[in-house]
Amino acid sequence: MAGFAGLIGYFISCTVIPSPLTFNLTPLLVFFVVFLITGAGNAINDFFDAEIDAINMP
């Protein structure tokens, strides 16, 4: 979901509509950067909160 939100933000910020005949790598990079950073944040949260999560959800 966050990756798609990044894509939507990218396309909203574009002042020129990209031509379908040219390949632009920027939207793909935006998607993967946001996707991977969000996933890394979730993994770090799971690692540091494992003890608390074990108490809350045994």
Protein backbone atom coordinates (compact mmCIF):
# COMPACT_ATOMS: atom_id res chain seq x y z
CA MET A 1 0.00 0.00 0.00
CA ALA A 2 2.78 2.44 0.85
CA GLY A 3 4.45 1.76 -2.49
CA PHE A 4 1.28 2.70 -4.34
CA ALA A 5 0.95 5.82 -2.20
CA GLY A 6 4.47 6.77 -3.28
CA LEU A 7 3.51 6.26 -6.92
CA ILE A 8 0.40 8.40 -6.52
CA GLY A 9 2.51 11.14 -4.94
CA TYR A 10 5.01 10.90 -7.78
CA PHE A 11 2.35 11.22 -10.47
CA ILE A 12 0.64 14.09 -8.66
CA SER A 13 3.95 15.96 -8.44
CA CYS A 14 4.70 15.49 -12.15
CA THR A 15 4.02 18.64 -14.11
CA VAL A 16 4.24 16.83 -17.44
CA ILE A 17 2.29 13.68 -18.21
CA PRO A 18 4.84 10.99 -19.08
CA SER A 19 4.70 9.75 -22.65
CA PRO A 20 3.72 6.08 -22.96
CA LEU A 21 6.42 5.60 -25.62
CA THR A 22 9.31 6.44 -23.29
CA PHE A 23 10.38 4.25 -20.39
CA ASN A 24 10.89 6.18 -17.19
CA LEU A 25 12.60 4.33 -14.35
CA THR A 26 11.70 6.87 -11.65
CA PRO A 27 8.19 5.54 -10.78
CA LEU A 28 9.60 2.03 -10.41
CA LEU A 29 12.37 3.29 -8.14
CA VAL A 30 9.89 5.31 -6.06
CA PHE A 31 7.69 2.24 -5.61
CA PHE A 32 10.54 -0.06 -4.54
CA VAL A 33 12.22 2.49 -2.25
CA VAL A 34 8.99 3.21 -0.36
CA PHE A 35 8.09 -0.51 -0.33
CA LEU A 36 11.48 -1.59 1.04
CA ILE A 37 11.75 1.19 3.63
CA THR A 38 8.27 0.39 4.94
CA GLY A 39 9.13 -3.32 5.10
CA ALA A 40 12.39 -2.60 6.90
CA GLY A 41 10.58 -0.44 9.43
CA ASN A 42 8.09 -3.22 10.09
CA ALA A 43 10.89 -5.77 10.49
CA ILE A 44 12.76 -3.53 12.94
CA ASN A 45 9.54 -3.01 14.89
CA ASP A 46 8.93 -6.76 15.06
CA PHE A 47 12.50 -7.37 16.26
CA PHE A 48 12.47 -4.80 19.05
CA ASP A 49 8.88 -5.48 20.16
CA ALA A 50 9.04 -9.29 20.17
CA GLU A 51 9.07 -9.46 23.97
CA ILE A 52 6.15 -7.05 24.32
CA ASP A 53 4.19 -8.80 21.57
CA ALA A 54 4.70 -12.15 23.30
CA ILE A 55 3.07 -10.73 26.43
CA ASN A 56 0.19 -9.06 24.57
CA MET A 57 -0.53 -12.00 22.23
CA PRO A 58 0.64 -15.24 23.84
